[in-house]
């Protein structure tokens, strides 16, 4: 072990070798370590809570024990898994799955609108999962510091303030959360709802869009204690600005009622959106006519040695019937989870396309533009990517 690590705790008897400190909260009596699981030879995160040595009280133990209880119930790919925990003479240790990356607060990145929207989608999917639990789970502390990001994924961390039973969602004697990110009902110790985490998510997105630090969010609040989005984000598309204004409304009844409703509203903002074939029971005469036009257009373009972009709208059914669309303008399309093996997307415009978990094995993406495309989980074995413009990362 290096000299600068000599003061690290020795947890070899528990099966872990501490590597280094990842972070610490002195006031909360918590130190977070990166460690190696000696039994499974994999990196893990260990949170050590020291209630008896840091000026904290053992009453805090109950709050962190609730975090352990919640994490044991949760199984979602965007939430680091609970692995183990044990009591210590001064508190206890919690072990979780390690996810590499930085928090949104210290990533140092500048986020485009497309990237911010994707962060919103990913976090909303986590919130949908939490809100579907019986009873629902409210995180209560969503903020840039509690969201990890790597090149292809977003993760929600720190469930120390989260609550899962119905009584916990009502007012309590102690206010927990982060100023600026707590919705008014949480700040004033009123009952929380599924709309409460939406407010915190909205403020987090505002930080990304404005480049403000979490500690600077007060500079964006007007004299009516509302986020002054129109003054600071007037360059945003009006529909997205309206969506963002709604989820950050101080009145919980004026927000979207839950994460699923907010996600659906966000996804419908895009003017170009394809419908998966599984969701379409039939193809009308107009669609069939368009298929014919596309085929004629395609054949004509081949004959004249030039490929012309297809004219929107185009359905997934059409795309599957043609097994691709070379040279087409498919910017922003939703192709998640689709089987696109051996499809032809030569020279297609796929900027901002959502290709999460799509199967593109053997497909031709030669010369295609994939700028800002989302490639999480995509299968690209034997895919022709010669001359293609690829995203630096999902974000």
Protein backbone atom coordinates (compact mmCIF):
# COMPACT_ATOMS: atom_id res chain seq x y z
CA UNK A 1 0.00 0.00 0.00
CA UNK A 2 1.27 3.50 -0.81
CA UNK A 3 2.43 5.76 2.01
CA UNK A 4 -0.41 8.24 1.47
CA UNK A 5 -2.85 5.41 2.06
CA UNK A 6 -1.45 4.31 5.42
CA UNK A 7 -4.40 5.78 7.31
CA UNK A 8 -6.99 3.88 5.31
CA UNK A 9 -9.03 1.34 7.29
CA UNK A 10 -8.04 -2.31 7.13
CA UNK A 11 -11.07 -4.33 5.97
CA UNK A 12 -9.23 -7.41 4.75
CA UNK A 13 -10.98 -9.52 7.40
CA UNK A 14 -14.28 -8.53 5.78
CA UNK A 15 -12.91 -9.46 2.35
CA UNK A 16 -12.07 -5.99 1.01
CA UNK A 17 -8.83 -4.15 0.23
CA UNK A 18 -9.23 -0.35 0.42
CA UNK A 19 -7.64 1.46 -2.51
CA UNK A 20 -8.36 5.16 -1.98
CA UNK A 21 -10.84 7.75 -0.74
CA UNK A 22 -13.52 8.75 -3.25
CA UNK A 23 -15.18 11.40 -1.11
CA UNK A 24 -16.16 12.36 2.41
CA UNK A 25 -18.92 14.18 4.23
CA UNK A 26 -17.45 15.31 7.54
CA UNK A 27 -20.73 16.70 8.86
CA UNK A 28 -22.52 13.50 7.94
CA UNK A 29 -19.82 11.29 9.40
CA UNK A 30 -19.35 9.43 6.12
CA UNK A 31 -16.26 8.50 4.10
CA UNK A 32 -16.56 6.76 0.73
CA UNK A 33 -13.79 4.45 -0.46
CA UNK A 34 -12.92 2.64 -3.65
CA UNK A 35 -12.01 -0.92 -2.70
CA UNK A 36 -11.36 -4.33 -4.21
CA UNK A 37 -13.57 -7.29 -3.38
CA UNK A 38 -10.99 -9.96 -2.62
CA UNK A 39 -13.43 -12.83 -3.05
CA UNK A 40 -14.77 -11.83 -6.47
CA UNK A 41 -11.84 -9.72 -7.70
CA UNK A 42 -13.94 -6.72 -8.63
CA UNK A 43 -14.01 -3.05 -7.60
CA UNK A 44 -16.66 -1.93 -5.10
CA UNK A 45 -17.62 1.23 -3.24
CA UNK A 46 -17.61 1.17 0.57
CA UNK A 47 -19.35 3.87 2.58
CA UNK A 48 -18.14 4.02 6.17
CA UNK A 49 -20.46 5.79 8.62
CA UNK A 50 -18.88 6.91 11.89
CA UNK A 51 -21.60 8.24 14.16
CA UNK A 52 -19.70 8.01 17.43
CA UNK A 53 -16.50 9.83 16.38
CA UNK A 54 -17.58 12.78 14.24
CA UNK A 55 -19.96 14.73 16.45
CA UNK A 56 -22.97 12.91 15.03
CA UNK A 57 -25.45 10.98 17.06
CA UNK A 58 -26.60 7.39 16.86
CA UNK A 59 -30.02 8.72 15.89
CA UNK A 60 -28.50 9.13 12.41
CA UNK A 61 -28.01 5.36 12.33
CA UNK A 62 -31.72 4.80 11.73
CA UNK A 63 -31.67 7.03 8.64
CA UNK A 64 -28.77 5.14 7.06
CA UNK A 65 -30.25 1.80 8.03
CA UNK A 66 -33.30 2.81 5.99
CA UNK A 67 -30.96 3.40 3.06
CA UNK A 68 -29.69 -0.16 3.39
CA UNK A 69 -33.24 -1.50 3.58
CA UNK A 70 -34.21 0.43 0.43
CA UNK A 71 -31.16 -0.59 -1.56
CA UNK A 72 -31.86 -4.23 -0.80
CA UNK A 73 -35.26 -3.83 -2.49
CA UNK A 74 -33.95 -2.06 -5.59
CA UNK A 75 -32.78 -3.77 -8.77
CA UNK A 76 -32.25 -1.31 -11.62
CA UNK A 77 -29.26 -1.03 -14.01
CA UNK A 78 -28.93 2.70 -13.34
CA UNK A 79 -28.74 2.29 -9.56
CA UNK A 80 -25.54 0.74 -8.10
CA UNK A 81 -26.47 -2.58 -6.51
CA UNK A 82 -26.38 -3.21 -2.78
CA UNK A 83 -23.76 -5.90 -1.99
CA UNK A 84 -23.21 -6.04 1.76
CA UNK A 85 -23.22 -4.14 5.06
CA UNK A 86 -22.07 -4.67 8.64
CA UNK A 87 -21.98 -2.82 11.94
CA UNK A 88 -18.78 -1.36 13.36
CA UNK A 89 -17.97 -0.03 16.87
CA UNK A 90 -18.59 3.53 15.65
CA UNK A 91 -21.29 2.98 13.03
CA UNK A 92 -21.45 0.65 10.05
CA UNK A 93 -20.18 0.03 6.50
CA UNK A 94 -22.23 -0.23 3.32
CA UNK A 95 -20.86 -1.92 0.17
CA UNK A 96 -22.24 -1.17 -3.29
CA UNK A 97 -21.44 -1.99 -6.90
CA UNK A 98 -18.79 0.36 -8.35
CA UNK A 99 -19.71 2.51 -11.33
CA UNK A 100 -16.91 4.47 -12.95
CA UNK A 101 -17.47 8.05 -14.00
CA UNK A 102 -17.91 11.51 -12.54
CA UNK A 103 -20.89 13.23 -10.99
CA UNK A 104 -22.72 15.83 -13.06
CA UNK A 105 -21.39 18.38 -10.59
CA UNK A 106 -17.71 17.67 -11.29
CA UNK A 107 -17.72 16.20 -14.80
CA UNK A 108 -16.41 19.46 -16.27
CA UNK A 109 -18.54 18.95 -19.37
CA UNK A 110 -20.64 21.41 -21.31
CA UNK A 111 -23.92 19.75 -22.23
CA UNK A 112 -25.83 20.31 -25.45
CA UNK A 113 -29.62 20.36 -25.48
CA UNK A 114 -29.69 16.87 -27.01
CA UNK A 115 -27.46 15.57 -24.22
CA UNK A 116 -29.52 17.27 -21.49
CA UNK A 117 -32.67 15.71 -22.91
CA UNK A 118 -31.02 12.29 -22.77
CA UNK A 119 -30.00 12.82 -19.16
CA UNK A 120 -33.63 13.72 -18.45
CA UNK A 121 -34.89 10.57 -20.17
CA UNK A 122 -32.47 8.32 -18.31
CA UNK A 123 -33.28 9.79 -14.90
CA UNK A 124 -37.01 9.75 -15.58
CA UNK A 125 -36.75 6.04 -16.38
CA UNK A 126 -35.13 5.49 -12.97
CA UNK A 127 -37.86 7.54 -11.29
CA UNK A 128 -40.55 5.54 -13.10
CA UNK A 129 -39.04 2.35 -11.66
CA UNK A 130 -38.90 3.83 -8.15
CA UNK A 131 -42.45 5.15 -8.38
CA UNK A 132 -43.73 1.75 -9.52
CA UNK A 133 -42.57 0.12 -6.29
CA UNK A 134 -45.23 -0.73 -3.72
CA UNK A 135 -45.23 1.61 -1.93
CA UNK A 136 -43.42 4.11 -4.20
CA UNK A 137 -39.92 5.32 -3.41
CA UNK A 138 -39.15 9.05 -3.34
CA UNK A 139 -35.43 9.87 -3.63
CA UNK A 140 -35.73 13.34 -2.01
CA UNK A 141 -32.20 14.48 -2.93
CA UNK A 142 -31.77 14.50 -6.71
CA UNK A 143 -29.03 16.96 -7.66
CA UNK A 144 -25.89 17.01 -9.85
CA UNK A 145 -23.79 15.63 -7.00
CA UNK A 146 -25.99 12.52 -6.79
CA UNK A 147 -25.98 11.63 -10.47
CA UNK A 148 -23.00 9.77 -11.96
CA UNK A 149 -22.18 9.89 -15.66
CA UNK A 150 -19.70 8.02 -17.82
CA UNK A 151 -19.36 7.85 -21.60
CA UNK A 152 -22.52 5.82 -22.07
CA UNK A 153 -24.56 5.71 -18.86
CA UNK A 154 -26.20 7.75 -16.12
CA UNK A 155 -26.62 6.45 -12.56
CA UNK A 156 -28.60 7.71 -9.57
CA UNK A 157 -26.75 7.40 -6.26
CA UNK A 158 -27.09 8.28 -2.56
CA UNK A 159 -30.43 7.05 -1.22
CA UNK A 160 -29.73 8.30 2.29
CA UNK A 161 -32.79 10.60 2.27
CA UNK A 162 -35.05 8.30 0.24
CA UNK A 163 -38.32 7.04 1.70
CA UNK A 164 -40.52 4.14 0.66
CA UNK A 165 -43.47 3.74 2.98
CA UNK A 166 -46.57 5.89 2.94
CA UNK A 167 -45.97 7.43 6.35
CA UNK A 168 -42.48 8.53 5.31
CA UNK A 169 -43.94 10.54 2.43
CA UNK A 170 -45.92 12.72 4.79
CA UNK A 171 -44.59 15.60 6.83
CA UNK A 172 -41.99 14.80 9.50
CA UNK A 173 -40.24 16.73 12.22
CA UNK A 174 -36.95 16.93 10.30
CA UNK A 175 -36.37 18.46 6.86
CA UNK A 176 -33.89 16.51 4.74
CA UNK A 177 -32.63 17.60 1.34
CA UNK A 178 -30.51 20.21 -0.45
CA UNK A 179 -31.52 23.86 -0.61
CA UNK A 180 -32.33 24.98 -4.12
CA UNK A 181 -33.20 21.44 -5.22
CA UNK A 182 -35.89 20.65 -2.66
CA UNK A 183 -39.40 21.34 -3.97
CA UNK A 184 -41.35 23.86 -1.86
CA UNK A 185 -43.49 21.13 -0.31
CA UNK A 186 -40.31 19.45 0.97
CA UNK A 187 -38.78 22.73 2.12
CA UNK A 188 -41.90 23.60 4.10
CA UNK A 189 -42.22 20.06 5.45
CA UNK A 190 -45.47 19.22 3.67
CA UNK A 191 -46.49 15.82 2.26
CA UNK A 192 -44.46 14.67 -0.72
CA UNK A 193 -45.82 13.11 -3.92
CA UNK A 194 -44.45 11.47 -7.05
CA UNK A 195 -44.13 14.99 -8.49
CA UNK A 196 -41.62 16.00 -5.81
CA UNK A 197 -38.57 14.35 -7.41
CA UNK A 198 -39.55 15.91 -10.76
CA UNK A 199 -38.85 19.37 -9.34
CA UNK A 200 -35.37 18.31 -8.23
CA UNK A 201 -34.68 16.75 -11.62
CA UNK A 202 -35.81 19.96 -13.35
CA UNK A 203 -33.46 22.10 -11.27
CA UNK A 204 -30.63 19.66 -12.06
CA UNK A 205 -31.32 20.05 -15.79
CA UNK A 206 -31.31 23.83 -15.39
CA UNK A 207 -27.82 23.59 -13.87
CA UNK A 208 -26.63 21.67 -16.94
CA UNK A 209 -28.26 24.05 -19.39
CA UNK A 210 -26.93 27.21 -17.73
CA UNK A 211 -23.57 25.90 -16.58
CA UNK A 212 -24.40 26.95 -13.02
CA UNK A 213 -23.01 25.11 -10.03
CA UNK A 214 -25.42 23.70 -7.48
CA UNK A 215 -24.46 26.44 -5.04
CA UNK A 216 -25.38 29.11 -7.62
CA UNK A 217 -28.95 28.04 -8.32
CA UNK A 218 -30.30 30.91 -6.19
CA UNK A 219 -29.10 33.34 -8.88
CA UNK A 220 -31.74 31.95 -11.24
CA UNK A 221 -34.68 32.51 -8.88
CA UNK A 222 -36.86 35.61 -9.36
CA UNK A 223 -38.62 37.75 -6.72
CA UNK A 224 -41.58 35.35 -6.76
CA UNK A 225 -39.26 32.48 -5.77
CA UNK A 226 -39.68 30.83 -9.17
CA UNK A 227 -36.89 29.73 -11.46
CA UNK A 228 -36.62 32.52 -14.02
CA UNK A 229 -36.18 30.20 -16.98
CA UNK A 230 -37.34 32.59 -19.69
CA UNK A 231 -34.65 35.12 -18.80
CA UNK A 232 -31.80 32.62 -18.59
CA UNK A 233 -32.89 29.99 -21.15
CA UNK A 234 -34.75 32.03 -23.75
CA UNK A 235 -32.72 30.34 -26.51
CA UNK A 236 -34.36 26.96 -25.85
CA UNK A 237 -37.17 25.66 -28.09
CA UNK A 238 -40.45 26.95 -26.68
CA UNK A 239 -41.95 23.47 -26.23
CA UNK A 240 -39.00 22.21 -24.22
CA UNK A 241 -38.91 25.41 -22.18
CA UNK A 242 -42.61 24.91 -21.37
CA UNK A 243 -41.90 21.30 -20.33
CA UNK A 244 -39.04 22.42 -18.09
CA UNK A 245 -41.17 25.19 -16.60
CA UNK A 246 -43.92 22.71 -15.78
CA UNK A 247 -41.75 20.21 -13.90
CA UNK A 248 -40.18 23.02 -11.86
CA UNK A 249 -43.46 24.70 -10.96
CA UNK A 250 -43.49 25.52 -7.21
CA UNK A 251 -47.02 24.17 -6.98
CA UNK A 252 -46.86 20.34 -7.05
CA UNK A 253 -50.38 20.17 -8.49
CA UNK A 254 -49.19 22.16 -11.52
CA UNK A 255 -46.36 19.74 -12.32
CA UNK A 256 -46.69 16.47 -14.17
CA UNK A 257 -48.21 14.04 -11.66
CA UNK A 258 -45.46 11.42 -12.04
CA UNK A 259 -42.32 10.48 -13.94
CA UNK A 260 -44.12 8.43 -16.60
CA UNK A 261 -46.32 11.38 -17.56
CA UNK A 262 -43.30 13.69 -17.65
CA UNK A 263 -41.35 11.25 -19.84
CA UNK A 264 -44.23 10.81 -22.27
CA UNK A 265 -44.58 14.59 -22.56
CA UNK A 266 -40.85 14.99 -23.18
CA UNK A 267 -40.76 12.32 -25.86
CA UNK A 268 -43.67 13.87 -27.75
CA UNK A 269 -41.83 17.19 -28.05
CA UNK A 270 -39.83 15.89 -31.01
CA UNK A 271 -41.56 16.62 -34.29
CA UNK A 272 -40.06 13.49 -35.88
CA UNK A 273 -40.80 10.27 -34.03
CA UNK A 274 -41.16 6.80 -35.50
CA UNK A 275 -43.73 4.31 -34.25
CA UNK A 276 -42.45 0.78 -33.50
CA UNK A 277 -44.13 -1.84 -35.64
CA UNK A 278 -45.32 -3.71 -32.56
CA UNK A 279 -47.43 -0.67 -31.66
CA UNK A 280 -49.06 -0.41 -35.09
CA UNK A 281 -51.79 -2.95 -35.87
CA UNK A 282 -52.22 -1.98 -39.52
CA UNK A 283 -50.75 0.14 -42.28
CA UNK A 284 -53.25 2.51 -43.91
CA UNK A 285 -53.57 3.38 -47.57
CA UNK A 286 -51.59 6.57 -47.09
CA UNK A 287 -48.66 4.68 -45.58
CA UNK A 288 -48.75 2.08 -48.35
CA UNK A 289 -48.74 4.84 -50.92
CA UNK A 290 -45.71 6.38 -49.23
CA UNK A 291 -43.95 3.00 -49.25
CA UNK A 292 -44.52 2.86 -53.01
CA UNK A 293 -43.19 6.38 -53.42
CA UNK A 294 -40.15 5.54 -51.36
CA UNK A 295 -39.45 2.44 -53.45
CA UNK A 296 -39.81 4.43 -56.66
CA UNK A 297 -37.66 7.19 -55.23
CA UNK A 298 -35.04 4.68 -54.13
CA UNK A 299 -34.89 2.93 -57.51
CA UNK A 300 -34.76 6.24 -59.31
CA UNK A 301 -31.89 7.40 -57.15
CA UNK A 302 -29.94 4.23 -57.89
CA UNK A 303 -30.56 4.66 -61.59
CA UNK A 304 -29.18 8.20 -61.53
CA UNK A 305 -26.22 7.25 -59.32
CA UNK A 306 -27.34 9.58 -56.50
CA UNK A 307 -29.25 8.85 -53.33
CA UNK A 308 -31.91 11.35 -52.29
CA UNK A 309 -33.09 11.67 -48.71
CA UNK A 310 -36.46 10.14 -47.90
CA UNK A 311 -39.32 12.51 -47.14
CA UNK A 312 -40.69 12.40 -43.59
CA UNK A 313 -42.79 11.06 -42.02
CA UNK A 314 -41.61 7.47 -42.33
CA UNK A 315 -42.75 4.63 -40.11
CA UNK A 316 -40.81 1.75 -38.64
CA UNK A 317 -42.92 -0.54 -40.81
CA UNK A 318 -41.62 1.20 -43.93
CA UNK A 319 -38.07 1.06 -42.65
CA UNK A 320 -38.39 -2.67 -42.00
CA UNK A 321 -40.05 -3.31 -45.33
CA UNK A 322 -37.08 -1.73 -47.11
CA UNK A 323 -34.52 -3.13 -44.64
CA UNK A 324 -32.93 0.26 -44.28
CA UNK A 325 -32.93 3.63 -45.95
CA UNK A 326 -29.61 4.59 -47.58
CA UNK A 327 -29.03 8.32 -47.80
CA UNK A 328 -32.18 9.10 -45.81
CA UNK A 329 -32.61 11.90 -43.31
CA UNK A 330 -33.30 9.93 -40.14
CA UNK A 331 -32.16 12.56 -37.64
CA UNK A 332 -33.50 11.98 -34.14
CA UNK A 333 -35.30 8.73 -34.90
CA UNK A 334 -36.11 6.22 -32.15
CA UNK A 335 -34.75 2.78 -33.04
CA UNK A 336 -34.37 1.40 -29.54
CA UNK A 337 -34.36 -2.40 -29.12
CA UNK A 338 -35.01 -3.04 -32.83
CA UNK A 339 -33.51 -5.87 -34.89
CA UNK A 340 -31.70 -4.02 -37.69
CA UNK A 341 -29.31 -6.76 -38.73
CA UNK A 342 -27.91 -6.29 -42.25
CA UNK A 343 -29.94 -3.12 -42.80
CA UNK A 344 -28.59 -0.52 -45.23
CA UNK A 345 -28.06 2.94 -43.72
CA UNK A 346 -25.27 3.96 -46.08
CA UNK A 347 -24.78 7.76 -46.04
CA UNK A 348 -27.89 8.17 -43.82
CA UNK A 349 -28.27 11.13 -41.50
CA UNK A 350 -28.60 9.53 -38.05
CA UNK A 351 -27.64 12.56 -35.95
CA UNK A 352 -29.20 12.35 -32.50
CA UNK A 353 -30.69 8.92 -33.27
CA UNK A 354 -31.62 6.72 -30.31
CA UNK A 355 -30.02 3.32 -30.99
CA UNK A 356 -29.98 1.95 -27.47
CA UNK A 357 -29.86 -1.86 -27.46
CA UNK A 358 -30.50 -1.97 -31.23
CA UNK A 359 -29.02 -4.93 -33.14
CA UNK A 360 -27.00 -3.55 -36.08
CA UNK A 361 -24.81 -6.58 -36.67
CA UNK A 362 -23.84 -6.83 -40.33
CA UNK A 363 -25.54 -3.53 -41.16
CA UNK A 364 -24.01 -0.88 -43.40
CA UNK A 365 -23.42 2.48 -41.72
CA UNK A 366 -20.79 3.43 -44.24
CA UNK A 367 -20.58 7.21 -44.49
CA UNK A 368 -23.46 7.65 -42.04
CA UNK A 369 -23.58 10.66 -39.70
CA UNK A 370 -24.02 9.43 -36.10
CA UNK A 371 -23.20 12.71 -34.36
CA UNK A 372 -24.89 12.79 -30.90
CA UNK A 373 -26.42 9.35 -31.56
CA UNK A 374 -27.04 7.25 -28.43
CA UNK A 375 -25.25 3.92 -28.70
CA UNK A 376 -25.77 2.44 -25.23
CA UNK A 377 -25.94 -1.35 -25.54
CA UNK A 378 -25.98 -1.27 -29.36
CA UNK A 379 -24.64 -4.37 -31.17
CA UNK A 380 -22.12 -3.32 -33.84
CA UNK A 381 -20.32 -6.59 -34.53
CA UNK A 382 -19.40 -6.86 -38.25
CA UNK A 383 -21.06 -3.50 -38.90
CA UNK A 384 -19.56 -1.49 -41.78
CA UNK A 385 -18.59 1.85 -40.19
CA UNK A 386 -16.12 3.00 -42.83
CA UNK A 387 -16.32 6.75 -43.24
CA UNK A 388 -19.03 7.07 -40.59
CA UNK A 389 -19.04 10.03 -38.20
CA UNK A 390 -19.34 8.57 -34.71
CA UNK A 391 -20.24 10.34 -31.44
CA UNK A 392 -17.37 10.92 -29.00
CA UNK A 393 -19.70 9.37 -26.39
CA UNK A 394 -23.39 9.21 -25.60
CA UNK A 395 -23.06 12.51 -23.79
